Amino acid sequence: MTSSDITAPSRNWWQRNWKWFVPTGCVAILALFAAFVFSLVFFVFSVIRHTDVFRDALEKAKANPQVRAELGEPIREGWWLSGSVNTSGASGNADISIPLKGSRKDGTLYAVAHKSAGEWTYDRLEVAADRRAGRIKLLEVVRGDAEP
């Protein structure tokens, strides 16, 4: 019997392919995880963007002449939101910050509100513009009509 008559046992699929399969599998798992996280963030942001308090606060900021003059027109909301909106039927609370982008400056809209009997009432609504000392207050303070 010669050495050419003895053949090495054939290798199975795993033995032949593990060197490319393991890194490819790891990259695929990381890509799926990243896609899941991105989808979750996108979903949460879109839910917040469709709330009444978000749309109303943004509308008030865009309509304010001082904000328009400071940031420049057109004013658009940025992508990365922060904060929370919690509602349960006709009650709830919100504490959100919305990045704003104007033609001259960027800023951030801060809205703190509570919902009672189905209506949102703002506790704080103001815009902080970049490179500006102080914030632009958007809540109108009614004076003179209150009793002493």
N, C-alpha and C. Protein backbone atom coordinates (compact mmCIF):
# COMPACT_ATOMS: atom_id res chain seq x y z
N MET A 1 0.84 -1.16 0.00
CA MET A 1 0.00 0.00 0.00
C MET A 1 0.89 1.24 0.00
N THR A 2 0.61 2.13 -0.89
CA THR A 2 1.42 3.33 -1.02
C THR A 2 0.72 4.50 -0.36
N SER A 3 1.46 5.59 -0.17
CA SER A 3 0.89 6.76 0.48
C SER A 3 -0.17 7.44 -0.38
N SER A 4 -0.11 7.22 -1.69
CA SER A 4 -1.12 7.84 -2.56
C SER A 4 -2.45 7.11 -2.45
N ASP A 5 -2.42 5.86 -1.93
CA ASP A 5 -3.67 5.13 -1.76
C ASP A 5 -4.43 5.61 -0.53
N ILE A 6 -3.74 6.25 0.39
CA ILE A 6 -4.40 6.75 1.61
C ILE A 6 -4.82 8.19 1.36
N THR A 7 -6.08 8.44 1.43
CA THR A 7 -6.57 9.81 1.24
C THR A 7 -7.02 10.36 2.58
N ALA A 8 -6.83 11.64 2.73
CA ALA A 8 -7.28 12.31 3.96
C ALA A 8 -8.80 12.34 3.97
N PRO A 9 -9.37 12.21 5.15
CA PRO A 9 -10.84 12.26 5.19
C PRO A 9 -11.30 13.63 4.67
N SER A 10 -12.39 13.62 3.94
CA SER A 10 -12.89 14.89 3.39
C SER A 10 -13.44 15.76 4.52
N ARG A 11 -13.22 17.05 4.36
CA ARG A 11 -13.66 17.99 5.39
C ARG A 11 -15.13 18.34 5.16
N ASN A 12 -15.85 18.56 6.27
CA ASN A 12 -17.26 18.92 6.13
C ASN A 12 -17.40 20.41 5.78
N TRP A 13 -18.62 20.86 5.61
CA TRP A 13 -18.89 22.24 5.18
C TRP A 13 -18.32 23.23 6.17
N TRP A 14 -18.52 23.03 7.46
CA TRP A 14 -18.05 23.96 8.49
C TRP A 14 -16.53 24.08 8.46
N GLN A 15 -15.85 22.98 8.34
CA GLN A 15 -14.39 23.01 8.31
C GLN A 15 -13.86 23.76 7.09
N ARG A 16 -14.57 23.68 5.99
CA ARG A 16 -14.13 24.37 4.78
C ARG A 16 -14.47 25.87 4.79
N ASN A 17 -15.53 26.30 5.50
CA ASN A 17 -16.07 27.65 5.33
C ASN A 17 -16.10 28.51 6.58
N TRP A 18 -15.62 28.04 7.70
CA TRP A 18 -15.77 28.81 8.93
C TRP A 18 -15.03 30.14 8.89
N LYS A 19 -13.95 30.23 8.14
CA LYS A 19 -13.13 31.45 8.12
C LYS A 19 -13.87 32.64 7.52
N TRP A 20 -14.78 32.44 6.62
CA TRP A 20 -15.57 33.56 6.09
C TRP A 20 -16.94 33.63 6.74
N PHE A 21 -17.47 32.48 7.23
CA PHE A 21 -18.81 32.46 7.80
C PHE A 21 -18.88 33.19 9.14
N VAL A 22 -17.90 32.99 10.01
CA VAL A 22 -17.92 33.62 11.34
C VAL A 22 -17.90 35.15 11.25
N PRO A 23 -16.96 35.77 10.53
CA PRO A 23 -16.99 37.24 10.44
C PRO A 23 -18.26 37.76 9.75
N THR A 24 -18.70 37.07 8.72
CA THR A 24 -19.92 37.50 8.03
C THR A 24 -21.13 37.40 8.95
N GLY A 25 -21.19 36.35 9.72
CA GLY A 25 -22.29 36.19 10.68
C GLY A 25 -22.28 37.27 11.75
N CYS A 26 -21.09 37.59 12.25
CA CYS A 26 -20.99 38.64 13.27
C CYS A 26 -21.41 40.00 12.71
N VAL A 27 -20.98 40.33 11.51
CA VAL A 27 -21.36 41.59 10.88
C VAL A 27 -22.87 41.62 10.65
N ALA A 28 -23.44 40.50 10.24
CA ALA A 28 -24.89 40.44 10.00
C ALA A 28 -25.66 40.67 11.30
N ILE A 29 -25.20 40.07 12.38
CA ILE A 29 -25.87 40.26 13.68
C ILE A 29 -25.77 41.72 14.12
N LEU A 30 -24.60 42.33 13.97
CA LEU A 30 -24.44 43.75 14.32
C LEU A 30 -25.33 44.63 13.45
N ALA A 31 -25.43 44.34 12.17
CA ALA A 31 -26.28 45.12 11.27
C ALA A 31 -27.75 44.99 11.65
N LEU A 32 -28.18 43.80 12.01
CA LEU A 32 -29.57 43.61 12.45
C LEU A 32 -29.84 44.37 13.74
N PHE A 33 -28.90 44.34 14.66
CA PHE A 33 -29.06 45.08 15.92
C PHE A 33 -29.13 46.58 15.67
N ALA A 34 -28.26 47.10 14.80
CA ALA A 34 -28.27 48.52 14.47
C ALA A 34 -29.59 48.91 13.79
N ALA A 35 -30.08 48.06 12.90
CA ALA A 35 -31.35 48.34 12.23
C ALA A 35 -32.50 48.34 13.24
N PHE A 36 -32.46 47.45 14.21
CA PHE A 36 -33.49 47.42 15.25
C PHE A 36 -33.47 48.70 16.07
N VAL A 37 -32.29 49.13 16.50
CA VAL A 37 -32.17 50.35 17.30
C VAL A 37 -32.63 51.57 16.49
N PHE A 38 -32.20 51.67 15.24
CA PHE A 38 -32.62 52.77 14.38
C PHE A 38 -34.15 52.79 14.22
N SER A 39 -34.75 51.62 14.01
CA SER A 39 -36.20 51.53 13.85
C SER A 39 -36.91 51.96 15.12
N LEU A 40 -36.39 51.57 16.26
CA LEU A 40 -36.99 51.94 17.53
C LEU A 40 -36.92 53.46 17.75
N VAL A 41 -35.77 54.06 17.49
CA VAL A 41 -35.61 55.51 17.64
C VAL A 41 -36.52 56.24 16.66
N PHE A 42 -36.57 55.78 15.42
CA PHE A 42 -37.44 56.40 14.42
C PHE A 42 -38.90 56.33 14.85
N PHE A 43 -39.32 55.20 15.38
CA PHE A 43 -40.70 55.03 15.82
C PHE A 43 -41.03 55.98 16.97
N VAL A 44 -40.15 56.06 17.97
CA VAL A 44 -40.40 56.93 19.12
C VAL A 44 -40.46 58.39 18.68
N PHE A 45 -39.52 58.81 17.82
CA PHE A 45 -39.51 60.19 17.35
C PHE A 45 -40.78 60.50 16.55
N SER A 46 -41.23 59.57 15.72
CA SER A 46 -42.42 59.84 14.93
C SER A 46 -43.66 59.89 15.80
N VAL A 47 -43.70 59.12 16.87
CA VAL A 47 -44.83 59.19 17.79
C VAL A 47 -44.86 60.55 18.47
N ILE A 48 -43.73 61.03 18.93
CA ILE A 48 -43.68 62.35 19.58
C ILE A 48 -44.05 63.45 18.59
N ARG A 49 -43.57 63.34 17.36
CA ARG A 49 -43.86 64.38 16.34
C ARG A 49 -45.34 64.47 16.01
N HIS A 50 -46.09 63.41 16.22
CA HIS A 50 -47.52 63.42 15.90
C HIS A 50 -48.40 63.77 17.09
N THR A 51 -47.83 64.20 18.20
CA THR A 51 -48.64 64.60 19.34
C THR A 51 -49.12 66.04 19.17
N ASP A 52 -50.23 66.35 19.81
CA ASP A 52 -50.78 67.71 19.75
C ASP A 52 -49.84 68.73 20.35
N VAL A 53 -49.21 68.38 21.46
CA VAL A 53 -48.34 69.33 22.15
C VAL A 53 -47.11 69.65 21.30
N PHE A 54 -46.56 68.68 20.59
CA PHE A 54 -45.41 68.94 19.71
C PHE A 54 -45.80 69.89 18.60
N ARG A 55 -46.90 69.58 17.89
CA ARG A 55 -47.31 70.42 16.76
C ARG A 55 -47.69 71.83 17.21
N ASP A 56 -48.39 71.94 18.33
CA ASP A 56 -48.80 73.26 18.81
C ASP A 56 -47.61 74.09 19.26
N ALA A 57 -46.68 73.49 19.98
CA ALA A 57 -45.50 74.23 20.44
C ALA A 57 -44.67 74.70 19.26
N LEU A 58 -44.50 73.84 18.26
CA LEU A 58 -43.72 74.19 17.08
C LEU A 58 -44.42 75.32 16.30
N GLU A 59 -45.73 75.24 16.20
CA GLU A 59 -46.50 76.28 15.50
C GLU A 59 -46.35 77.63 16.21
N LYS A 60 -46.41 77.62 17.54
CA LYS A 60 -46.25 78.87 18.30
C LYS A 60 -44.85 79.46 18.11
N ALA A 61 -43.84 78.61 18.07
CA ALA A 61 -42.48 79.11 17.88
C ALA A 61 -42.30 79.69 16.49
N LYS A 62 -42.83 79.02 15.47
CA LYS A 62 -42.69 79.51 14.10
C LYS A 62 -43.47 80.80 13.88
N ALA A 63 -44.55 81.00 14.63
CA ALA A 63 -45.38 82.19 14.46
C ALA A 63 -44.85 83.39 15.25
N ASN A 64 -43.95 83.18 16.18
CA ASN A 64 -43.46 84.27 17.02
C ASN A 64 -42.49 85.15 16.22
N PRO A 65 -42.77 86.47 16.14
CA PRO A 65 -41.91 87.36 15.35
C PRO A 65 -40.48 87.45 15.90
N GLN A 66 -40.32 87.38 17.20
CA GLN A 66 -38.98 87.47 17.79
C GLN A 66 -38.15 86.23 17.43
N VAL A 67 -38.78 85.07 17.44
CA VAL A 67 -38.08 83.83 17.07
C VAL A 67 -37.72 83.87 15.59
N ARG A 68 -38.66 84.32 14.75
CA ARG A 68 -38.38 84.40 13.31
C ARG A 68 -37.24 85.37 13.03
N ALA A 69 -37.21 86.50 13.74
CA ALA A 69 -36.14 87.48 13.53
C ALA A 69 -34.79 86.94 14.01
N GLU A 70 -34.80 86.22 15.11
CA GLU A 70 -33.55 85.72 15.69
C GLU A 70 -32.96 84.57 14.88
N LEU A 71 -33.80 83.60 14.52
CA LEU A 71 -33.31 82.41 13.81
C LEU A 71 -33.25 82.60 12.30
N GLY A 72 -34.11 83.41 11.75
CA GLY A 72 -34.21 83.56 10.31
C GLY A 72 -35.21 82.58 9.74
N GLU A 73 -35.83 82.97 8.64
CA GLU A 73 -36.85 82.11 8.04
C GLU A 73 -36.29 81.40 6.81
N PRO A 74 -36.76 80.24 6.50
CA PRO A 74 -37.79 79.45 7.18
C PRO A 74 -37.21 78.72 8.39
N ILE A 75 -38.08 78.44 9.33
CA ILE A 75 -37.69 77.70 10.54
C ILE A 75 -38.18 76.26 10.37
N ARG A 76 -37.26 75.33 10.53
CA ARG A 76 -37.59 73.91 10.43
C ARG A 76 -37.20 73.21 11.74
N GLU A 77 -37.89 72.15 12.05
CA GLU A 77 -37.50 71.39 13.24
C GLU A 77 -36.39 70.43 12.86
N GLY A 78 -35.49 70.21 13.81
CA GLY A 78 -34.40 69.27 13.60
C GLY A 78 -34.87 67.84 13.80
N TRP A 79 -33.96 66.93 13.60
CA TRP A 79 -34.33 65.52 13.63
C TRP A 79 -34.29 64.93 15.04
N TRP A 80 -33.27 65.25 15.83
CA TRP A 80 -33.05 64.58 17.11
C TRP A 80 -33.82 65.26 18.23
N LEU A 81 -34.90 64.65 18.68
CA LEU A 81 -35.74 65.18 19.76
C LEU A 81 -35.27 64.60 21.09
N SER A 82 -35.65 65.27 22.15
CA SER A 82 -35.43 64.67 23.47
C SER A 82 -36.60 65.04 24.37
N GLY A 83 -36.79 64.24 25.38
CA GLY A 83 -37.88 64.48 26.32
C GLY A 83 -38.88 63.35 26.28
N SER A 84 -40.06 63.65 26.84
CA SER A 84 -41.09 62.62 26.91
C SER A 84 -42.46 63.25 26.84
N VAL A 85 -43.41 62.47 26.35
CA VAL A 85 -44.82 62.83 26.33
C VAL A 85 -45.58 61.64 26.88
N ASN A 86 -46.30 61.86 27.97
CA ASN A 86 -47.07 60.79 28.60
C ASN A 86 -48.52 61.23 28.66
N THR A 87 -49.42 60.44 28.08
CA THR A 87 -50.84 60.74 28.14
C THR A 87 -51.60 59.51 28.58
N SER A 88 -52.69 59.76 29.24
CA SER A 88 -53.60 58.70 29.64
C SER A 88 -55.00 59.29 29.54
N GLY A 89 -55.63 59.04 28.41
CA GLY A 89 -56.95 59.61 28.17
C GLY A 89 -56.89 61.11 28.06
N ALA A 90 -57.62 61.80 28.93
CA ALA A 90 -57.72 63.26 28.86
C ALA A 90 -56.68 63.96 29.72
N SER A 91 -55.73 63.22 30.29
CA SER A 91 -54.71 63.85 31.12
C SER A 91 -53.33 63.41 30.65
N GLY A 92 -52.33 64.16 31.07
CA GLY A 92 -50.98 63.79 30.69
C GLY A 92 -50.00 64.90 30.98
N ASN A 93 -48.75 64.68 30.60
CA ASN A 93 -47.72 65.71 30.75
C ASN A 93 -46.69 65.53 29.64
N ALA A 94 -45.99 66.63 29.37
CA ALA A 94 -44.97 66.62 28.33
C ALA A 94 -43.81 67.48 28.77
N ASP A 95 -42.62 67.03 28.45
CA ASP A 95 -41.39 67.80 28.68
C ASP A 95 -40.47 67.47 27.51
N ILE A 96 -40.49 68.32 26.49
CA ILE A 96 -39.75 68.02 25.26
C ILE A 96 -38.86 69.19 24.87
N SER A 97 -37.79 68.86 24.18
CA SER A 97 -36.95 69.89 23.57
C SER A 97 -36.82 69.54 22.09
N ILE A 98 -37.05 70.56 21.27
CA ILE A 98 -37.10 70.38 19.82
C ILE A 98 -36.02 71.26 19.19
N PRO A 99 -35.07 70.67 18.48
CA PRO A 99 -34.06 71.50 17.81
C PRO A 99 -34.70 72.26 16.65
N LEU A 100 -34.34 73.53 16.52
CA LEU A 100 -34.86 74.37 15.44
C LEU A 100 -33.70 74.81 14.56
N LYS A 101 -33.97 74.90 13.28
CA LYS A 101 -32.95 75.34 12.32
C LYS A 101 -33.54 76.48 11.52
N GLY A 102 -32.89 77.64 11.62
CA GLY A 102 -33.31 78.79 10.83
C GLY A 102 -32.26 79.10 9.78
N SER A 103 -32.53 80.11 8.96
CA SER A 103 -31.58 80.45 7.91
C SER A 103 -30.34 81.15 8.46
N ARG A 104 -30.45 81.76 9.66
CA ARG A 104 -29.30 82.45 10.25
C ARG A 104 -28.72 81.74 11.47
N LYS A 105 -29.57 81.15 12.28
CA LYS A 105 -29.12 80.51 13.53
C LYS A 105 -29.91 79.24 13.78
N ASP A 106 -29.38 78.46 14.68
CA ASP A 106 -30.09 77.30 15.19
C ASP A 106 -30.54 77.62 16.62
N GLY A 107 -31.46 76.85 17.10
CA GLY A 107 -31.93 77.04 18.47
C GLY A 107 -32.63 75.79 18.96
N THR A 108 -33.18 75.88 20.15
CA THR A 108 -33.91 74.77 20.74
C THR A 108 -35.19 75.30 21.36
N LEU A 109 -36.29 74.64 21.05
CA LEU A 109 -37.59 74.96 21.62
C LEU A 109 -37.81 74.04 22.81
N TYR A 110 -38.07 74.63 23.95
CA TYR A 110 -38.35 73.87 25.17
C TYR A 110 -39.83 74.02 25.50
N ALA A 111 -40.51 72.90 25.69
CA ALA A 111 -41.93 72.91 26.02
C ALA A 111 -42.17 71.99 27.20
N VAL A 112 -42.75 72.55 28.24
CA VAL A 112 -43.18 71.78 29.40
C VAL A 112 -44.66 72.07 29.56
N ALA A 113 -45.47 71.02 29.54
CA ALA A 113 -46.92 71.22 29.57
C ALA A 113 -47.59 70.08 30.31
N HIS A 114 -48.82 70.34 30.71
CA HIS A 114 -49.63 69.28 31.29
C HIS A 114 -51.01 69.31 30.62
N LYS A 115 -51.62 68.16 30.59
CA LYS A 115 -52.92 68.02 29.93
C LYS A 115 -53.95 67.66 30.98
N SER A 116 -55.00 68.45 31.00
CA SER A 116 -56.08 68.21 31.95
C SER A 116 -57.40 68.44 31.21
N ALA A 117 -58.34 67.54 31.37
CA ALA A 117 -59.64 67.61 30.71
C ALA A 117 -59.47 67.73 29.19
N GLY A 118 -58.45 67.09 28.65
CA GLY A 118 -58.24 67.06 27.22
C GLY A 118 -57.56 68.28 26.63
N GLU A 119 -57.15 69.24 27.45
CA GLU A 119 -56.51 70.47 26.96
C GLU A 119 -55.09 70.59 27.51
N TRP A 120 -54.15 70.94 26.62
CA TRP A 120 -52.77 71.15 27.02
C TRP A 120 -52.60 72.57 27.54
N THR A 121 -51.93 72.71 28.67
CA THR A 121 -51.58 74.01 29.24
C THR A 121 -50.07 74.02 29.42
N TYR A 122 -49.44 75.07 28.88
CA TYR A 122 -47.98 75.16 28.94
C TYR A 122 -47.54 75.76 30.27
N ASP A 123 -46.61 75.08 30.91
CA ASP A 123 -45.96 75.62 32.10
C ASP A 123 -44.73 76.42 31.68
N ARG A 124 -44.12 76.01 30.59
CA ARG A 124 -42.94 76.70 30.06
C ARG A 124 -42.89 76.46 28.56
N LEU A 125 -42.66 77.54 27.82
CA LEU A 125 -42.53 77.46 26.37
C LEU A 125 -41.57 78.57 25.96
N GLU A 126 -40.35 78.16 25.59
CA GLU A 126 -39.33 79.15 25.28
C GLU A 126 -38.33 78.60 24.28
N VAL A 127 -37.65 79.54 23.61
CA VAL A 127 -36.66 79.19 22.61
C VAL A 127 -35.30 79.72 23.05
N ALA A 128 -34.31 78.84 23.04
CA ALA A 128 -32.93 79.23 23.30
C ALA A 128 -32.22 79.25 21.96
N ALA A 129 -31.81 80.45 21.52
CA ALA A 129 -31.10 80.58 20.24
C ALA A 129 -29.60 80.50 20.50
N ASP A 130 -28.89 79.93 19.54
CA ASP A 130 -27.43 79.85 19.65
C ASP A 130 -26.84 81.25 19.71
N ARG A 131 -25.80 81.40 20.52
CA ARG A 131 -25.07 82.67 20.66
C ARG A 131 -25.98 83.83 21.07
N ARG A 132 -26.96 83.55 21.93
CA ARG A 132 -27.85 84.59 22.44
C ARG A 132 -28.00 84.39 23.94
N ALA A 133 -27.79 85.47 24.66
CA ALA A 133 -27.96 85.41 26.11
C ALA A 133 -29.46 85.44 26.41
N GLY A 134 -29.89 84.54 27.23
CA GLY A 134 -31.30 84.50 27.61
C GLY A 134 -32.14 83.77 26.57
N ARG A 135 -33.34 83.45 26.98
CA ARG A 135 -34.26 82.70 26.13
C ARG A 135 -35.43 83.59 25.71
N ILE A 136 -36.03 83.25 24.61
CA ILE A 136 -37.21 83.97 24.12
C ILE A 136 -38.43 83.27 24.71
N LYS A 137 -39.18 83.99 25.54
CA LYS A 137 -40.37 83.44 26.19
C LYS A 137 -41.54 83.52 25.22
N LEU A 138 -42.24 82.42 25.03
CA LEU A 138 -43.36 82.38 24.10
C LEU A 138 -44.72 82.44 24.78
N LEU A 139 -44.76 82.31 26.09
CA LEU A 139 -46.02 82.37 26.80
C LEU A 139 -46.38 83.83 27.05
N GLU A 140 -47.60 84.16 26.74
CA GLU A 140 -48.08 85.51 26.98
C GLU A 140 -48.57 85.62 28.41
N VAL A 141 -48.08 86.61 29.13
CA VAL A 141 -48.50 86.84 30.50
C VAL A 141 -49.58 87.92 30.46
N VAL A 142 -50.76 87.57 30.90
CA VAL A 142 -51.86 88.52 30.90
C VAL A 142 -51.86 89.23 32.25
N ARG A 143 -51.70 90.54 32.21
CA ARG A 143 -51.69 91.34 33.43
C ARG A 143 -52.76 92.41 33.32
N GLY A 144 -53.21 92.87 34.43
CA GLY A 144 -54.19 93.96 34.46
C GLY A 144 -55.62 93.45 34.57
N ASP A 145 -55.89 92.22 34.14
CA ASP A 145 -57.25 91.70 34.22
C ASP A 145 -57.46 90.93 35.52
N ALA A 146 -56.39 90.59 36.19
CA ALA A 146 -56.52 89.81 37.42
C ALA A 146 -56.92 90.71 38.58
N GLU A 147 -57.68 90.16 39.48
CA GLU A 147 -58.09 90.93 40.66
C GLU A 147 -56.94 90.96 41.65
N PRO A 148 -56.83 92.06 42.42
CA PRO A 148 -55.76 92.15 43.40
C PRO A 148 -55.89 91.17 44.53
